Amino acid sequence: MEPIMLDDSAAGAKTPNERAEYIERMSHELSRLATVSGLPFLAYILNMAAEEASHSKVDVRFAARGRATASADLDMGQVRHQK
């Protein structure tokens, strides 16, 4: 089996969200190829992989807010312990 060569869009994907988007696009493309090749079950599995990649993306706004809230909670805990 030959090594997999990633195209430029994969090499440029630096964040987890960018990688998930790339996997989603590639899975959809492979799913379409499987469909036209008469491989319905493989098309289904690849479509499920695309859906999983789509749902795996993190909303950066909420992730940043979650970290800020956790940090604020930690700071408040330290203040309480100093009293």
N, C-alpha and C. Protein backbone atom coordinates (compact mmCIF):
# COMPACT_ATOMS: atom_id res chain seq x y z
N MET A 1 0.84 -1.17 0.00
CA MET A 1 0.00 0.00 0.00
C MET A 1 0.89 1.24 0.00
N GLU A 2 0.61 2.16 -0.90
CA GLU A 2 1.42 3.37 -1.02
C GLU A 2 1.01 4.39 0.04
N PRO A 3 1.95 5.27 0.44
CA PRO A 3 1.59 6.30 1.43
C PRO A 3 0.55 7.26 0.86
N ILE A 4 -0.27 7.77 1.73
CA ILE A 4 -1.32 8.71 1.34
C ILE A 4 -0.70 10.08 1.16
N MET A 5 -1.01 10.70 0.04
CA MET A 5 -0.52 12.04 -0.24
C MET A 5 -1.66 13.01 -0.01
N LEU A 6 -1.48 13.93 0.91
CA LEU A 6 -2.49 14.93 1.19
C LEU A 6 -2.32 16.11 0.26
N ASP A 7 -3.43 16.66 -0.19
CA ASP A 7 -3.34 17.82 -1.07
C ASP A 7 -3.07 19.08 -0.24
N ASP A 8 -2.92 20.20 -0.93
CA ASP A 8 -2.57 21.45 -0.25
C ASP A 8 -3.58 21.87 0.80
N SER A 9 -4.87 21.58 0.57
CA SER A 9 -5.87 22.02 1.55
C SER A 9 -5.72 21.26 2.86
N ALA A 10 -5.26 20.01 2.83
CA ALA A 10 -5.03 19.27 4.06
C ALA A 10 -3.80 19.79 4.77
N ALA A 11 -2.76 20.12 4.00
CA ALA A 11 -1.53 20.61 4.60
C ALA A 11 -1.76 21.97 5.27
N GLY A 12 -2.69 22.76 4.74
CA GLY A 12 -2.96 24.08 5.29
C GLY A 12 -3.90 24.06 6.49
N ALA A 13 -4.51 22.91 6.76
CA ALA A 13 -5.46 22.81 7.87
C ALA A 13 -4.68 22.74 9.18
N LYS A 14 -4.69 23.82 9.93
CA LYS A 14 -3.89 23.90 11.14
C LYS A 14 -4.69 23.69 12.42
N THR A 15 -5.96 24.04 12.42
CA THR A 15 -6.76 23.91 13.64
C THR A 15 -7.61 22.64 13.55
N PRO A 16 -8.06 22.14 14.68
CA PRO A 16 -8.95 20.98 14.66
C PRO A 16 -10.21 21.21 13.81
N ASN A 17 -10.76 22.43 13.86
CA ASN A 17 -11.95 22.72 13.05
C ASN A 17 -11.63 22.65 11.56
N GLU A 18 -10.47 23.17 11.15
CA GLU A 18 -10.08 23.11 9.75
C GLU A 18 -9.88 21.67 9.30
N ARG A 19 -9.30 20.85 10.17
CA ARG A 19 -9.11 19.44 9.85
C ARG A 19 -10.45 18.72 9.74
N ALA A 20 -11.37 19.03 10.65
CA ALA A 20 -12.69 18.41 10.60
C ALA A 20 -13.41 18.80 9.31
N GLU A 21 -13.29 20.06 8.90
CA GLU A 21 -13.92 20.50 7.65
C GLU A 21 -13.32 19.77 6.45
N TYR A 22 -12.01 19.58 6.47
CA TYR A 22 -11.35 18.85 5.38
C TYR A 22 -11.84 17.41 5.33
N ILE A 23 -11.90 16.76 6.47
CA ILE A 23 -12.38 15.37 6.53
C ILE A 23 -13.82 15.29 6.06
N GLU A 24 -14.63 16.27 6.46
CA GLU A 24 -16.03 16.30 6.03
C GLU A 24 -16.12 16.39 4.50
N ARG A 25 -15.36 17.31 3.90
CA ARG A 25 -15.40 17.47 2.44
C ARG A 25 -14.93 16.21 1.72
N MET A 26 -13.82 15.63 2.19
CA MET A 26 -13.27 14.43 1.54
C MET A 26 -14.23 13.25 1.69
N SER A 27 -14.84 13.11 2.86
CA SER A 27 -15.78 12.00 3.08
C SER A 27 -16.99 12.13 2.17
N HIS A 28 -17.50 13.36 2.00
CA HIS A 28 -18.63 13.58 1.09
C HIS A 28 -18.23 13.22 -0.34
N GLU A 29 -17.05 13.63 -0.74
CA GLU A 29 -16.58 13.34 -2.10
C GLU A 29 -16.43 11.83 -2.31
N LEU A 30 -15.85 11.14 -1.35
CA LEU A 30 -15.70 9.69 -1.45
C LEU A 30 -17.06 8.99 -1.41
N SER A 31 -17.99 9.53 -0.64
CA SER A 31 -19.34 8.97 -0.59
C SER A 31 -20.01 9.05 -1.97
N ARG A 32 -19.86 10.19 -2.63
CA ARG A 32 -20.43 10.33 -3.99
C ARG A 32 -19.77 9.34 -4.96
N LEU A 33 -18.46 9.17 -4.85
CA LEU A 33 -17.74 8.23 -5.70
C LEU A 33 -18.24 6.80 -5.45
N ALA A 34 -18.43 6.45 -4.20
CA ALA A 34 -18.94 5.11 -3.87
C ALA A 34 -20.34 4.91 -4.42
N THR A 35 -21.18 5.95 -4.37
CA THR A 35 -22.55 5.86 -4.89
C THR A 35 -22.55 5.57 -6.38
N VAL A 36 -21.79 6.36 -7.14
CA VAL A 36 -21.78 6.16 -8.60
C VAL A 36 -21.06 4.88 -8.99
N SER A 37 -20.29 4.30 -8.07
CA SER A 37 -19.59 3.04 -8.33
C SER A 37 -20.42 1.83 -7.93
N GLY A 38 -21.65 2.08 -7.45
CA GLY A 38 -22.52 0.97 -7.06
C GLY A 38 -22.16 0.35 -5.73
N LEU A 39 -21.65 1.16 -4.82
CA LEU A 39 -21.27 0.68 -3.49
C LEU A 39 -22.08 1.43 -2.43
N PRO A 40 -23.38 1.11 -2.33
CA PRO A 40 -24.26 1.89 -1.46
C PRO A 40 -23.90 1.84 0.03
N PHE A 41 -23.47 0.68 0.53
CA PHE A 41 -23.14 0.60 1.95
C PHE A 41 -21.90 1.42 2.26
N LEU A 42 -20.89 1.35 1.40
CA LEU A 42 -19.69 2.15 1.59
C LEU A 42 -20.04 3.64 1.52
N ALA A 43 -20.92 4.01 0.60
CA ALA A 43 -21.36 5.41 0.50
C ALA A 43 -22.02 5.85 1.80
N TYR A 44 -22.83 4.98 2.38
CA TYR A 44 -23.51 5.28 3.64
C TYR A 44 -22.49 5.50 4.77
N ILE A 45 -21.52 4.60 4.87
CA ILE A 45 -20.50 4.70 5.93
C ILE A 45 -19.70 6.00 5.77
N LEU A 46 -19.33 6.33 4.53
CA LEU A 46 -18.57 7.56 4.29
C LEU A 46 -19.41 8.80 4.59
N ASN A 47 -20.69 8.73 4.29
CA ASN A 47 -21.58 9.84 4.62
C ASN A 47 -21.70 10.01 6.14
N MET A 48 -21.74 8.91 6.85
CA MET A 48 -21.77 8.98 8.32
C MET A 48 -20.48 9.60 8.86
N ALA A 49 -19.34 9.28 8.24
CA ALA A 49 -18.07 9.88 8.65
C ALA A 49 -18.10 11.39 8.41
N ALA A 50 -18.68 11.81 7.29
CA ALA A 50 -18.80 13.24 7.00
C ALA A 50 -19.68 13.93 8.04
N GLU A 51 -20.78 13.29 8.41
CA GLU A 51 -21.67 13.86 9.42
C GLU A 51 -20.96 13.97 10.77
N GLU A 52 -20.20 12.94 11.13
CA GLU A 52 -19.47 12.96 12.40
C GLU A 52 -18.44 14.09 12.40
N ALA A 53 -17.74 14.26 11.29
CA ALA A 53 -16.76 15.35 11.19
C ALA A 53 -17.45 16.70 11.32
N SER A 54 -18.62 16.82 10.73
CA SER A 54 -19.37 18.08 10.80
C SER A 54 -19.78 18.39 12.23
N HIS A 55 -20.21 17.37 12.95
CA HIS A 55 -20.66 17.57 14.34
C HIS A 55 -19.49 17.69 15.31
N SER A 56 -18.30 17.31 14.88
CA SER A 56 -17.12 17.37 15.75
C SER A 56 -16.52 18.76 15.83
N LYS A 57 -16.93 19.63 14.92
CA LYS A 57 -16.37 20.98 14.93
C LYS A 57 -16.84 21.71 16.19
N VAL A 58 -15.94 22.46 16.79
CA VAL A 58 -16.22 23.20 18.02
C VAL A 58 -16.54 24.64 17.67
N ASP A 59 -17.58 25.16 18.28
CA ASP A 59 -17.89 26.57 18.12
C ASP A 59 -16.89 27.34 18.97
N VAL A 60 -15.97 28.02 18.32
CA VAL A 60 -14.88 28.70 19.01
C VAL A 60 -15.40 29.71 20.01
N ARG A 61 -16.52 30.38 19.70
CA ARG A 61 -17.05 31.37 20.63
C ARG A 61 -17.40 30.74 21.96
N PHE A 62 -18.02 29.54 21.93
CA PHE A 62 -18.41 28.89 23.18
C PHE A 62 -17.21 28.29 23.88
N ALA A 63 -16.25 27.78 23.13
CA ALA A 63 -15.06 27.20 23.75
C ALA A 63 -14.28 28.28 24.48
N ALA A 64 -14.12 29.44 23.87
CA ALA A 64 -13.40 30.54 24.51
C ALA A 64 -14.15 31.01 25.75
N ARG A 65 -15.47 31.11 25.65
CA ARG A 65 -16.28 31.55 26.79
C ARG A 65 -16.16 30.54 27.92
N GLY A 66 -16.15 29.26 27.59
CA GLY A 66 -16.03 28.22 28.61
C GLY A 66 -14.73 28.32 29.36
N ARG A 67 -13.64 28.58 28.63
CA ARG A 67 -12.34 28.74 29.29
C ARG A 67 -12.32 29.98 30.17
N ALA A 68 -12.91 31.07 29.67
CA ALA A 68 -12.93 32.32 30.45
C ALA A 68 -13.75 32.13 31.71
N THR A 69 -14.88 31.46 31.60
CA THR A 69 -15.74 31.23 32.77
C THR A 69 -15.03 30.34 33.78
N ALA A 70 -14.37 29.30 33.30
CA ALA A 70 -13.65 28.40 34.21
C ALA A 70 -12.53 29.15 34.91
N SER A 71 -11.86 30.01 34.17
CA SER A 71 -10.78 30.80 34.75
C SER A 71 -11.34 31.75 35.82
N ALA A 72 -12.45 32.40 35.54
CA ALA A 72 -13.07 33.31 36.50
C ALA A 72 -13.52 32.55 37.73
N ASP A 73 -14.08 31.35 37.55
CA ASP A 73 -14.50 30.54 38.69
C ASP A 73 -13.30 30.16 39.55
N LEU A 74 -12.19 29.83 38.90
CA LEU A 74 -10.99 29.48 39.63
C LEU A 74 -10.48 30.68 40.42
N ASP A 75 -10.46 31.85 39.80
CA ASP A 75 -10.03 33.06 40.48
C ASP A 75 -10.91 33.35 41.69
N MET A 76 -12.21 33.18 41.54
CA MET A 76 -13.13 33.43 42.66
C MET A 76 -12.87 32.42 43.77
N GLY A 77 -12.55 31.18 43.43
CA GLY A 77 -12.24 30.17 44.43
C GLY A 77 -11.00 30.53 45.22
N GLN A 78 -10.00 31.07 44.53
CA GLN A 78 -8.78 31.49 45.21
C GLN A 78 -9.05 32.65 46.14
N VAL A 79 -9.90 33.57 45.72
CA VAL A 79 -10.25 34.72 46.57
C VAL A 79 -10.96 34.23 47.82
N ARG A 80 -11.90 33.29 47.67
CA ARG A 80 -12.63 32.77 48.82
C ARG A 80 -11.70 32.10 49.82
N HIS A 81 -10.67 31.36 49.31
CA HIS A 81 -9.77 30.66 50.21
C HIS A 81 -8.82 31.61 50.93
N GLN A 82 -8.63 32.78 50.40
CA GLN A 82 -7.71 33.73 51.03
C GLN A 82 -8.38 34.47 52.18
N LYS A 83 -9.66 34.47 52.25
CA LYS A 83 -10.37 35.23 53.31
C LYS A 83 -10.17 34.63 54.67
